[in-house]
Amino acid sequence: MTKAWYSHLARAIAHFSGKPITFAIAAGVILVWIISGPLFNFSDTWQLVINTGTTIVTFLMVFLIQNTQNRDTEAIQVKLDELIRVTKGAHNALLDLEEIEEEELDAFRTKYQALAKSAREELLQGLIDTDIPEA
């Protein structure tokens, strides 16, 4: 069986859970629970119902939202890789950068921080900061 059903379900639930009506429904459930408190003498069971319900929903939503977030992030990375690949003068070494080790990433970051600092200094001197240094 393919995993597509989970992706579609996760996407649909994440989309639905972000709508205002979903928030209103959740707030309504809480309101009904609060109003029903005196009816149940604010018993331990009354408290357990909301605690258990919200814990279960939260637990399941974490996995569904993480799934959609992972897919979105991966799609963005692929799109960025394509932009780097087709941009004249861009460094192909930056493709798939999210997969390298932390030390290598830090080295790239340091290089680009130095480049940004230099560009800001040049701007203060009235120069422009739009160029392709290696070209």
N, C-alpha and C. Protein backbone atom coordinates (compact mmCIF):
# COMPACT_ATOMS: atom_id res chain seq x y z
N MET A 1 0.84 -1.19 0.00
CA MET A 1 0.00 0.00 0.00
C MET A 1 0.89 1.25 0.00
N THR A 2 0.52 2.22 -0.72
CA THR A 2 1.28 3.46 -0.84
C THR A 2 1.03 4.38 0.36
N LYS A 3 1.99 5.26 0.59
CA LYS A 3 1.89 6.21 1.71
C LYS A 3 1.09 7.45 1.33
N ALA A 4 0.63 7.50 0.10
CA ALA A 4 -0.08 8.69 -0.39
C ALA A 4 -1.32 8.99 0.44
N TRP A 5 -2.00 7.99 0.94
CA TRP A 5 -3.21 8.23 1.72
C TRP A 5 -2.89 9.05 2.97
N TYR A 6 -1.75 8.76 3.60
CA TYR A 6 -1.38 9.50 4.81
C TYR A 6 -1.05 10.95 4.47
N SER A 7 -0.34 11.15 3.39
CA SER A 7 -0.01 12.52 2.97
C SER A 7 -1.26 13.32 2.67
N HIS A 8 -2.20 12.71 1.97
CA HIS A 8 -3.45 13.41 1.65
C HIS A 8 -4.25 13.70 2.91
N LEU A 9 -4.33 12.72 3.81
CA LEU A 9 -5.05 12.91 5.07
C LEU A 9 -4.39 13.99 5.91
N ALA A 10 -3.07 13.93 6.04
CA ALA A 10 -2.35 14.92 6.84
C ALA A 10 -2.54 16.32 6.28
N ARG A 11 -2.44 16.44 4.96
CA ARG A 11 -2.61 17.75 4.32
C ARG A 11 -4.02 18.28 4.54
N ALA A 12 -5.02 17.41 4.40
CA ALA A 12 -6.42 17.83 4.55
C ALA A 12 -6.71 18.25 6.00
N ILE A 13 -6.23 17.46 6.95
CA ILE A 13 -6.47 17.79 8.36
C ILE A 13 -5.73 19.06 8.76
N ALA A 14 -4.49 19.20 8.31
CA ALA A 14 -3.72 20.41 8.63
C ALA A 14 -4.40 21.64 8.01
N HIS A 15 -4.90 21.49 6.80
CA HIS A 15 -5.59 22.60 6.14
C HIS A 15 -6.87 22.97 6.91
N PHE A 16 -7.65 21.95 7.27
CA PHE A 16 -8.89 22.18 8.00
C PHE A 16 -8.62 22.77 9.39
N SER A 17 -7.58 22.27 10.05
CA SER A 17 -7.32 22.73 11.42
C SER A 17 -6.88 24.18 11.48
N GLY A 18 -6.42 24.73 10.36
CA GLY A 18 -5.99 26.12 10.34
C GLY A 18 -7.10 27.11 10.01
N LYS A 19 -8.30 26.63 9.83
CA LYS A 19 -9.41 27.52 9.47
C LYS A 19 -10.06 28.12 10.72
N PRO A 20 -10.61 29.32 10.59
CA PRO A 20 -11.29 29.96 11.72
C PRO A 20 -12.44 29.12 12.29
N ILE A 21 -13.15 28.42 11.43
CA ILE A 21 -14.28 27.61 11.91
C ILE A 21 -13.80 26.51 12.85
N THR A 22 -12.63 25.97 12.57
CA THR A 22 -12.08 24.92 13.43
C THR A 22 -11.76 25.48 14.81
N PHE A 23 -11.19 26.68 14.83
CA PHE A 23 -10.93 27.33 16.11
C PHE A 23 -12.24 27.58 16.85
N ALA A 24 -13.25 28.03 16.13
CA ALA A 24 -14.54 28.29 16.76
C ALA A 24 -15.15 27.01 17.33
N ILE A 25 -15.02 25.91 16.61
CA ILE A 25 -15.53 24.63 17.11
C ILE A 25 -14.80 24.23 18.38
N ALA A 26 -13.47 24.36 18.36
CA ALA A 26 -12.68 24.00 19.54
C ALA A 26 -13.05 24.89 20.73
N ALA A 27 -13.20 26.18 20.47
CA ALA A 27 -13.60 27.11 21.54
C ALA A 27 -14.99 26.75 22.05
N GLY A 28 -15.88 26.36 21.15
CA GLY A 28 -17.22 25.94 21.55
C GLY A 28 -17.20 24.71 22.43
N VAL A 29 -16.35 23.75 22.10
CA VAL A 29 -16.23 22.54 22.93
C VAL A 29 -15.75 22.92 24.33
N ILE A 30 -14.79 23.80 24.41
CA ILE A 30 -14.28 24.25 25.72
C ILE A 30 -15.38 24.98 26.49
N LEU A 31 -16.13 25.83 25.80
CA LEU A 31 -17.22 26.57 26.43
C LEU A 31 -18.28 25.61 26.98
N VAL A 32 -18.65 24.61 26.20
CA VAL A 32 -19.63 23.61 26.66
C VAL A 32 -19.08 22.88 27.88
N TRP A 33 -17.81 22.55 27.83
CA TRP A 33 -17.17 21.85 28.96
C TRP A 33 -17.23 22.74 30.22
N ILE A 34 -16.88 24.01 30.07
CA ILE A 34 -16.90 24.93 31.22
C ILE A 34 -18.32 25.07 31.77
N ILE A 35 -19.27 25.26 30.89
CA ILE A 35 -20.66 25.43 31.33
C ILE A 35 -21.18 24.18 32.02
N SER A 36 -20.72 23.01 31.56
CA SER A 36 -21.19 21.76 32.16
C SER A 36 -20.53 21.45 33.50
N GLY A 37 -19.56 22.25 33.89
CA GLY A 37 -18.86 22.03 35.16
C GLY A 37 -19.78 21.92 36.36
N PRO A 38 -20.67 22.89 36.59
CA PRO A 38 -21.56 22.81 37.74
C PRO A 38 -22.50 21.58 37.68
N LEU A 39 -22.86 21.19 36.48
CA LEU A 39 -23.71 20.02 36.30
C LEU A 39 -23.04 18.76 36.84
N PHE A 40 -21.72 18.69 36.71
CA PHE A 40 -20.95 17.52 37.16
C PHE A 40 -20.18 17.81 38.45
N ASN A 41 -20.55 18.91 39.12
CA ASN A 41 -19.90 19.32 40.38
C ASN A 41 -18.38 19.45 40.23
N PHE A 42 -17.95 19.87 39.07
CA PHE A 42 -16.51 20.04 38.80
C PHE A 42 -15.70 18.83 39.25
N SER A 43 -16.21 17.66 38.97
CA SER A 43 -15.61 16.41 39.44
C SER A 43 -14.30 16.10 38.73
N ASP A 44 -13.59 15.13 39.27
CA ASP A 44 -12.34 14.68 38.66
C ASP A 44 -12.61 14.10 37.27
N THR A 45 -13.71 13.41 37.11
CA THR A 45 -14.07 12.83 35.81
C THR A 45 -14.33 13.95 34.80
N TRP A 46 -15.01 15.00 35.23
CA TRP A 46 -15.28 16.15 34.37
C TRP A 46 -13.96 16.75 33.88
N GLN A 47 -12.99 16.89 34.77
CA GLN A 47 -11.68 17.43 34.40
C GLN A 47 -10.91 16.45 33.51
N LEU A 48 -11.04 15.16 33.81
CA LEU A 48 -10.34 14.14 33.05
C LEU A 48 -10.80 14.10 31.60
N VAL A 49 -12.08 14.35 31.38
CA VAL A 49 -12.62 14.33 30.01
C VAL A 49 -11.89 15.35 29.13
N ILE A 50 -11.77 16.59 29.58
CA ILE A 50 -11.13 17.62 28.77
C ILE A 50 -9.63 17.38 28.68
N ASN A 51 -9.02 16.95 29.77
CA ASN A 51 -7.58 16.69 29.75
C ASN A 51 -7.24 15.57 28.77
N THR A 52 -7.99 14.50 28.81
CA THR A 52 -7.74 13.37 27.92
C THR A 52 -8.02 13.76 26.47
N GLY A 53 -9.13 14.41 26.23
CA GLY A 53 -9.47 14.82 24.86
C GLY A 53 -8.44 15.74 24.24
N THR A 54 -8.04 16.76 24.97
CA THR A 54 -7.06 17.70 24.41
C THR A 54 -5.69 17.05 24.25
N THR A 55 -5.33 16.15 25.15
CA THR A 55 -4.05 15.46 25.02
C THR A 55 -4.02 14.58 23.77
N ILE A 56 -5.09 13.86 23.52
CA ILE A 56 -5.15 12.99 22.35
C ILE A 56 -5.11 13.81 21.06
N VAL A 57 -5.89 14.87 21.01
CA VAL A 57 -5.90 15.71 19.81
C VAL A 57 -4.53 16.33 19.58
N THR A 58 -3.91 16.84 20.63
CA THR A 58 -2.59 17.45 20.51
C THR A 58 -1.56 16.43 20.03
N PHE A 59 -1.57 15.25 20.60
CA PHE A 59 -0.63 14.20 20.25
C PHE A 59 -0.75 13.86 18.76
N LEU A 60 -1.96 13.67 18.26
CA LEU A 60 -2.15 13.32 16.86
C LEU A 60 -1.81 14.48 15.92
N MET A 61 -2.16 15.69 16.33
CA MET A 61 -1.90 16.85 15.49
C MET A 61 -0.40 17.10 15.31
N VAL A 62 0.39 16.80 16.32
CA VAL A 62 1.84 16.98 16.20
C VAL A 62 2.37 16.21 15.01
N PHE A 63 1.95 14.96 14.86
CA PHE A 63 2.44 14.13 13.77
C PHE A 63 1.90 14.60 12.42
N LEU A 64 0.65 14.97 12.37
CA LEU A 64 0.07 15.43 11.11
C LEU A 64 0.69 16.74 10.64
N ILE A 65 0.84 17.66 11.56
CA ILE A 65 1.43 18.95 11.19
C ILE A 65 2.90 18.79 10.83
N GLN A 66 3.62 17.93 11.55
CA GLN A 66 5.03 17.69 11.22
C GLN A 66 5.16 17.12 9.82
N ASN A 67 4.25 16.22 9.45
CA ASN A 67 4.28 15.64 8.11
C ASN A 67 4.11 16.72 7.05
N THR A 68 3.13 17.58 7.22
CA THR A 68 2.91 18.63 6.22
C THR A 68 4.06 19.63 6.21
N GLN A 69 4.61 19.92 7.37
CA GLN A 69 5.75 20.85 7.46
C GLN A 69 6.97 20.25 6.76
N ASN A 70 7.22 18.97 6.95
CA ASN A 70 8.35 18.32 6.29
C ASN A 70 8.21 18.37 4.77
N ARG A 71 7.01 18.08 4.28
CA ARG A 71 6.77 18.11 2.84
C ARG A 71 6.95 19.52 2.29
N ASP A 72 6.39 20.51 2.99
CA ASP A 72 6.53 21.90 2.54
C ASP A 72 7.99 22.34 2.51
N THR A 73 8.72 21.99 3.54
CA THR A 73 10.14 22.36 3.62
C THR A 73 10.92 21.69 2.50
N GLU A 74 10.66 20.42 2.26
CA GLU A 74 11.35 19.71 1.19
C GLU A 74 11.04 20.33 -0.17
N ALA A 75 9.80 20.69 -0.40
CA ALA A 75 9.42 21.32 -1.67
C ALA A 75 10.13 22.67 -1.84
N ILE A 76 10.21 23.44 -0.79
CA ILE A 76 10.90 24.74 -0.85
C ILE A 76 12.38 24.53 -1.16
N GLN A 77 12.99 23.53 -0.52
CA GLN A 77 14.40 23.26 -0.76
C GLN A 77 14.65 22.87 -2.22
N VAL A 78 13.78 22.04 -2.77
CA VAL A 78 13.94 21.64 -4.17
C VAL A 78 13.79 22.86 -5.08
N LYS A 79 12.83 23.72 -4.79
CA LYS A 79 12.65 24.92 -5.59
C LYS A 79 13.87 25.84 -5.50
N LEU A 80 14.41 25.99 -4.29
CA LEU A 80 15.61 26.82 -4.13
C LEU A 80 16.80 26.20 -4.87
N ASP A 81 16.93 24.87 -4.79
CA ASP A 81 18.01 24.20 -5.53
C ASP A 81 17.89 24.47 -7.02
N GLU A 82 16.66 24.45 -7.55
CA GLU A 82 16.47 24.71 -8.97
C GLU A 82 16.84 26.15 -9.31
N LEU A 83 16.49 27.09 -8.45
CA LEU A 83 16.85 28.49 -8.70
C LEU A 83 18.37 28.68 -8.70
N ILE A 84 19.04 28.01 -7.78
CA ILE A 84 20.50 28.08 -7.75
C ILE A 84 21.06 27.47 -9.02
N ARG A 85 20.52 26.31 -9.40
CA ARG A 85 21.03 25.58 -10.56
C ARG A 85 20.93 26.40 -11.85
N VAL A 86 19.86 27.16 -12.02
CA VAL A 86 19.65 27.89 -13.28
C VAL A 86 20.15 29.33 -13.24
N THR A 87 20.65 29.79 -12.10
CA THR A 87 21.12 31.16 -11.99
C THR A 87 22.59 31.27 -12.38
N LYS A 88 22.85 32.06 -13.40
CA LYS A 88 24.22 32.25 -13.88
C LYS A 88 25.05 32.88 -12.75
N GLY A 89 26.18 32.29 -12.50
CA GLY A 89 27.08 32.81 -11.48
C GLY A 89 26.82 32.25 -10.09
N ALA A 90 25.74 31.50 -9.93
CA ALA A 90 25.45 30.91 -8.61
C ALA A 90 26.38 29.72 -8.36
N HIS A 91 26.63 29.47 -7.11
CA HIS A 91 27.51 28.36 -6.72
C HIS A 91 26.70 27.08 -6.61
N ASN A 92 26.99 26.12 -7.46
CA ASN A 92 26.30 24.84 -7.41
C ASN A 92 26.62 24.08 -6.12
N ALA A 93 27.69 24.46 -5.44
CA ALA A 93 28.03 23.82 -4.16
C ALA A 93 26.96 24.09 -3.11
N LEU A 94 26.12 25.10 -3.35
CA LEU A 94 25.05 25.43 -2.40
C LEU A 94 23.83 24.55 -2.59
N LEU A 95 23.79 23.77 -3.67
CA LEU A 95 22.68 22.84 -3.87
C LEU A 95 22.65 21.83 -2.74
N ASP A 96 21.46 21.51 -2.26
CA ASP A 96 21.28 20.47 -1.24
C ASP A 96 22.06 20.79 0.04
N LEU A 97 22.20 22.05 0.33
CA LEU A 97 22.98 22.52 1.48
C LEU A 97 22.43 22.02 2.81
N GLU A 98 21.12 21.77 2.87
CA GLU A 98 20.50 21.33 4.12
C GLU A 98 20.95 19.93 4.52
N GLU A 99 21.65 19.22 3.64
CA GLU A 99 22.09 17.85 3.93
C GLU A 99 23.52 17.76 4.45
N ILE A 100 24.25 18.86 4.46
CA ILE A 100 25.66 18.78 4.87
C ILE A 100 25.79 18.86 6.39
N GLU A 101 26.98 18.52 6.86
CA GLU A 101 27.26 18.54 8.30
C GLU A 101 27.32 19.97 8.83
N GLU A 102 27.10 20.11 10.11
CA GLU A 102 27.03 21.43 10.76
C GLU A 102 28.30 22.26 10.54
N GLU A 103 29.45 21.61 10.62
CA GLU A 103 30.73 22.34 10.46
C GLU A 103 30.85 22.92 9.06
N GLU A 104 30.46 22.14 8.05
CA GLU A 104 30.50 22.64 6.68
C GLU A 104 29.52 23.79 6.49
N LEU A 105 28.34 23.66 7.06
CA LEU A 105 27.34 24.71 6.98
C LEU A 105 27.85 25.99 7.64
N ASP A 106 28.51 25.84 8.78
CA ASP A 106 29.08 27.01 9.47
C ASP A 106 30.13 27.70 8.60
N ALA A 107 30.92 26.93 7.86
CA ALA A 107 31.94 27.52 6.99
C ALA A 107 31.28 28.34 5.88
N PHE A 108 30.22 27.79 5.27
CA PHE A 108 29.48 28.55 4.26
C PHE A 108 28.89 29.82 4.86
N ARG A 109 28.28 29.68 6.06
CA ARG A 109 27.65 30.82 6.72
C ARG A 109 28.67 31.91 7.00
N THR A 110 29.84 31.54 7.48
CA THR A 110 30.89 32.50 7.78
C THR A 110 31.32 33.25 6.53
N LYS A 111 31.45 32.51 5.42
CA LYS A 111 31.84 33.13 4.15
C LYS A 111 30.80 34.17 3.72
N TYR A 112 29.53 33.81 3.81
CA TYR A 112 28.47 34.72 3.37
C TYR A 112 28.25 35.86 4.35
N GLN A 113 28.51 35.66 5.61
CA GLN A 113 28.43 36.75 6.58
C GLN A 113 29.51 37.78 6.28
N ALA A 114 30.70 37.32 5.94
CA ALA A 114 31.79 38.23 5.59
C ALA A 114 31.45 39.00 4.32
N LEU A 115 30.85 38.32 3.34
CA LEU A 115 30.44 38.96 2.10
C LEU A 115 29.38 40.03 2.38
N ALA A 116 28.42 39.73 3.25
CA ALA A 116 27.37 40.69 3.59
C ALA A 116 27.95 41.90 4.32
N LYS A 117 28.88 41.64 5.23
CA LYS A 117 29.51 42.74 5.98
C LYS A 117 30.26 43.67 5.03
N SER A 118 30.98 43.08 4.10
CA SER A 118 31.72 43.86 3.11
C SER A 118 30.77 44.69 2.24
N ALA A 119 29.66 44.08 1.83
CA ALA A 119 28.68 44.78 1.00
C ALA A 119 28.06 45.95 1.76
N ARG A 120 27.76 45.77 3.04
CA ARG A 120 27.19 46.87 3.84
C ARG A 120 28.19 48.01 4.00
N GLU A 121 29.45 47.67 4.18
CA GLU A 121 30.48 48.71 4.28
C GLU A 121 30.60 49.49 2.98
N GLU A 122 30.50 48.77 1.85
CA GLU A 122 30.57 49.44 0.56
C GLU A 122 29.35 50.34 0.34
N LEU A 123 28.19 49.90 0.81
CA LEU A 123 26.99 50.74 0.70
C LEU A 123 27.17 52.04 1.46
N LEU A 124 27.76 51.97 2.64
CA LEU A 124 28.00 53.18 3.43
C LEU A 124 28.95 54.14 2.72
N GLN A 125 29.78 53.60 1.85
CA GLN A 125 30.71 54.44 1.09
C GLN A 125 30.09 54.93 -0.22
N GLY A 126 28.81 54.58 -0.43
CA GLY A 126 28.12 55.03 -1.63
C GLY A 126 28.26 54.10 -2.82
N LEU A 127 28.87 52.96 -2.61
CA LEU A 127 29.01 51.99 -3.70
C LEU A 127 27.77 51.12 -3.80
N ILE A 128 27.68 50.32 -4.84
CA ILE A 128 26.54 49.42 -4.99
C ILE A 128 26.91 48.03 -4.48
N ASP A 129 25.90 47.25 -4.15
CA ASP A 129 26.18 45.90 -3.63
C ASP A 129 25.58 44.82 -4.52
N THR A 130 25.34 45.16 -5.77
CA THR A 130 24.77 44.17 -6.70
C THR A 130 25.83 43.81 -7.72
N ASP A 131 26.45 42.67 -7.50
CA ASP A 131 27.45 42.20 -8.45
C ASP A 131 27.60 40.69 -8.35
N ILE A 132 28.38 40.15 -9.25
CA ILE A 132 28.73 38.75 -9.20
C ILE A 132 30.26 38.73 -9.12
N PRO A 133 30.83 38.66 -7.91
CA PRO A 133 32.27 38.81 -7.72
C PRO A 133 33.11 37.82 -8.53
N GLU A 134 32.62 36.59 -8.70
CA GLU A 134 33.43 35.57 -9.36
C GLU A 134 33.37 35.66 -10.88
N ALA A 135 32.41 36.42 -11.44
CA ALA A 135 32.22 36.45 -12.89
C ALA A 135 33.26 37.32 -13.56
